[in-house]
Amino acid sequence: MRTLIVYYSMGGDVEKIAKKVGEGIGADVEQLKPVKSISKVTAAIGAATGQGVAIEPLRVNPKDYDQIIIGSPVWAGSVATPVNQFLKEYDVAELVKGIFTSSAGGDGHGAVQKLYKKLPNLKYVLTNIYASKKEQSAFNGERIDRYIDVINDVGVSGSNTDSFGQENQEESE
């Protein structure tokens, strides 16, 4: 099974998580790069309104993969604008099986809830990783390791699995 992790990282936290998960599951890892620099104000407004921002073309074709996992910071309770653009531009919603978010205190659960309707096959969810907070680094490392284990154990054919405190869509309806 071929897995692609696509991520956007403004401060480096999401990048660290993406690389660790990619190594742990044997996935290709691709960074989403905006064509122009994004200010924090523009980022927050764009994310809150679901807007995208022009991104550079990826080096790979996401449709060549069996599953995609997305990594994003949380901005204004939503995923980052480059992630919104990726989903619009590449039309791969059916391939997205996982997402992880990092936040400095934002609502990662709310950001993922907004994506459930857009991503019908979402089954691996890890939210609210505070990678830059030293006092939580061991806890975060354990959560990331469990996320990797779940992905490796469940695979593409598994059920909608989430062992990270986030209610999955089926349970919340």
Protein backbone atom coordinates (compact mmCIF):
# COMPACT_ATOMS: atom_id res chain seq x y z
CA MET A 1 0.00 0.00 0.00
CA ARG A 2 1.42 3.36 -1.03
CA THR A 3 0.87 6.22 1.39
CA LEU A 4 1.51 9.93 0.85
CA ILE A 5 1.72 12.44 3.67
CA VAL A 6 1.12 16.03 2.58
CA TYR A 7 1.61 18.76 5.13
CA TYR A 8 1.91 22.48 5.61
CA SER A 9 4.07 23.86 8.39
CA MET A 10 4.63 27.53 9.14
CA GLY A 11 6.67 27.11 12.32
CA GLY A 12 8.15 23.63 11.87
CA ASP A 13 6.04 21.64 14.33
CA VAL A 14 3.84 19.97 11.70
CA GLU A 15 6.92 19.21 9.62
CA LYS A 16 8.50 17.31 12.54
CA ILE A 17 5.33 15.28 13.03
CA ALA A 18 4.99 14.58 9.28
CA LYS A 19 8.53 13.27 9.06
CA LYS A 20 8.13 11.08 12.15
CA VAL A 21 4.84 9.61 10.93
CA GLY A 22 6.24 9.17 7.42
CA GLU A 23 9.23 7.27 8.74
CA GLY A 24 7.03 5.20 11.06
CA ILE A 25 4.65 4.04 8.33
CA GLY A 26 7.01 4.05 5.34
CA ALA A 27 5.21 6.88 3.53
CA ASP A 28 6.37 9.44 1.02
CA VAL A 29 6.26 12.93 2.55
CA GLU A 30 5.47 16.05 0.52
CA GLN A 31 5.42 19.62 1.81
CA LEU A 32 2.74 22.06 0.64
CA LYS A 33 4.52 25.27 -0.31
CA PRO A 34 2.60 28.49 -0.90
CA VAL A 35 3.64 30.41 -4.01
CA LYS A 36 3.79 33.60 -1.92
CA SER A 37 4.58 34.12 1.74
CA ILE A 38 1.52 34.07 4.03
CA SER A 39 1.13 36.54 6.89
CA LYS A 40 -0.43 35.28 10.12
CA VAL A 41 -3.41 37.63 9.73
CA THR A 42 -4.08 36.52 6.15
CA ALA A 43 -3.62 32.91 7.22
CA ALA A 44 -6.15 33.16 10.05
CA ILE A 45 -8.79 34.95 7.98
CA GLY A 46 -8.35 32.59 5.02
CA ALA A 47 -8.50 29.49 7.20
CA ALA A 48 -11.58 30.67 9.08
CA THR A 49 -13.41 31.25 5.80
CA GLY A 50 -12.21 28.03 4.15
CA GLN A 51 -10.16 29.81 1.53
CA GLY A 52 -7.11 28.40 -0.18
CA VAL A 53 -3.88 30.03 -1.25
CA ALA A 54 -1.86 29.30 -4.39
CA ILE A 55 0.55 26.41 -3.79
CA GLU A 56 3.50 25.16 -5.80
CA PRO A 57 2.89 21.97 -7.79
CA LEU A 58 3.72 18.79 -5.92
CA ARG A 59 6.63 16.63 -7.07
CA VAL A 60 4.34 13.59 -7.12
CA ASN A 61 0.82 12.83 -8.31
CA PRO A 62 -1.33 12.23 -5.21
CA LYS A 63 -3.72 10.07 -7.23
CA ASP A 64 -0.91 7.51 -7.63
CA TYR A 65 -1.27 6.61 -3.93
CA ASP A 66 -3.63 4.29 -2.08
CA GLN A 67 -4.09 6.70 0.81
CA ILE A 68 -3.19 10.24 1.82
CA ILE A 69 -2.60 11.63 5.29
CA ILE A 70 -2.73 15.40 5.80
CA GLY A 71 -0.80 17.40 8.40
CA SER A 72 -1.81 20.95 9.24
CA PRO A 73 -1.50 23.63 11.86
CA VAL A 74 -4.77 24.90 13.29
CA TRP A 75 -5.52 28.49 12.35
CA ALA A 76 -8.71 30.14 13.64
CA GLY A 77 -10.21 26.73 14.40
CA SER A 78 -9.59 25.44 10.86
CA VAL A 79 -6.88 23.73 8.82
CA ALA A 80 -4.34 25.96 7.07
CA THR A 81 -5.11 27.66 3.75
CA PRO A 82 -2.50 25.60 1.80
CA VAL A 83 -4.33 22.44 2.94
CA ASN A 84 -7.66 23.88 1.75
CA GLN A 85 -6.04 24.61 -1.61
CA PHE A 86 -4.56 21.12 -1.86
CA LEU A 87 -7.99 19.56 -1.33
CA LYS A 88 -9.58 21.84 -3.94
CA GLU A 89 -6.81 21.64 -6.51
CA TYR A 90 -6.04 17.92 -6.45
CA ASP A 91 -9.56 16.51 -5.90
CA VAL A 92 -8.40 13.61 -3.74
CA ALA A 93 -10.93 13.68 -0.91
CA GLU A 94 -11.70 9.97 -1.34
CA LEU A 95 -8.02 9.10 -0.83
CA VAL A 96 -7.58 11.08 2.39
CA LYS A 97 -7.64 8.54 5.20
CA GLY A 98 -5.88 10.49 7.94
CA ILE A 99 -5.17 13.89 9.38
CA PHE A 100 -3.06 15.26 12.20
CA THR A 101 -3.01 18.80 13.54
CA SER A 102 -0.68 20.85 15.66
CA SER A 103 -1.74 23.90 17.57
CA ALA A 104 -0.54 26.53 19.99
CA GLY A 105 -3.91 26.25 21.72
CA GLY A 106 -6.46 26.29 18.91
CA ASP A 107 -9.31 23.86 18.46
CA GLY A 108 -7.84 20.94 16.50
CA HIS A 109 -10.95 18.83 17.10
CA GLY A 110 -13.15 21.53 15.58
CA ALA A 111 -10.86 21.83 12.57
CA VAL A 112 -11.15 18.09 11.90
CA GLN A 113 -14.93 18.08 12.48
CA LYS A 114 -15.23 20.62 9.65
CA LEU A 115 -13.45 18.17 7.34
CA TYR A 116 -15.50 15.04 8.05
CA LYS A 117 -18.14 15.90 5.45
CA LYS A 118 -15.47 16.71 2.84
CA LEU A 119 -13.39 13.61 3.59
CA PRO A 120 -15.73 10.59 3.61
CA ASN A 121 -12.99 7.99 4.23
CA LEU A 122 -11.25 9.71 7.14
CA LYS A 123 -10.23 7.16 9.77
CA TYR A 124 -6.92 8.20 11.37
CA VAL A 125 -7.24 11.38 13.43
CA LEU A 126 -4.69 12.93 15.76
CA THR A 127 -5.38 16.45 17.02
CA ASN A 128 -3.93 19.07 19.30
CA ILE A 129 -0.28 18.11 19.24
CA TYR A 130 1.59 20.91 20.95
CA ALA A 131 5.00 20.05 19.56
CA SER A 132 6.70 23.24 20.74
CA LYS A 133 5.59 22.91 24.38
CA LYS A 134 8.44 21.15 26.15
CA GLU A 135 6.33 20.06 29.13
CA GLN A 136 4.11 18.02 26.79
CA SER A 137 6.79 16.57 24.51
CA ALA A 138 6.83 13.08 26.07
CA PHE A 139 3.00 12.89 26.03
CA ASN A 140 2.91 14.11 22.44
CA GLY A 141 5.58 11.61 21.44
CA GLU A 142 3.49 8.78 22.90
CA ARG A 143 0.38 10.00 21.05
CA ILE A 144 2.29 10.19 17.76
CA ASP A 145 3.69 6.69 18.31
CA ARG A 146 0.16 5.35 18.94
CA TYR A 147 -1.06 7.11 15.78
CA ILE A 148 1.68 5.38 13.79
CA ASP A 149 0.79 2.01 15.37
CA VAL A 150 -2.90 2.41 14.49
CA ILE A 151 -2.10 3.26 10.88
CA ASN A 152 0.25 0.29 10.59
CA ASP A 153 -2.24 -2.08 12.26
CA VAL A 154 -5.43 -0.97 10.48
CA GLY A 155 -4.23 -0.18 6.95
CA VAL A 156 -6.48 0.83 4.06
CA SER A 157 -9.11 -1.85 4.66
CA GLY A 158 -9.61 -1.10 8.36
CA SER A 159 -12.57 0.50 10.05
CA ASN A 160 -12.98 4.14 11.03
CA THR A 161 -10.49 4.05 13.88
CA ASP A 162 -9.63 6.80 16.32
CA SER A 163 -8.03 6.22 19.68
CA PHE A 164 -6.99 9.78 20.43
CA GLY A 165 -9.99 11.31 22.22
CA GLN A 166 -11.68 12.66 19.08
CA GLU A 167 -15.16 11.28 18.52
CA ASN A 168 -15.39 9.86 15.06
CA GLN A 169 -18.21 10.93 12.79
CA GLU A 170 -20.19 7.72 13.12
CA GLU A 171 -20.26 7.97 16.94
CA SER A 172 -21.22 11.66 17.06
CA GLU A 173 -24.29 11.34 14.85
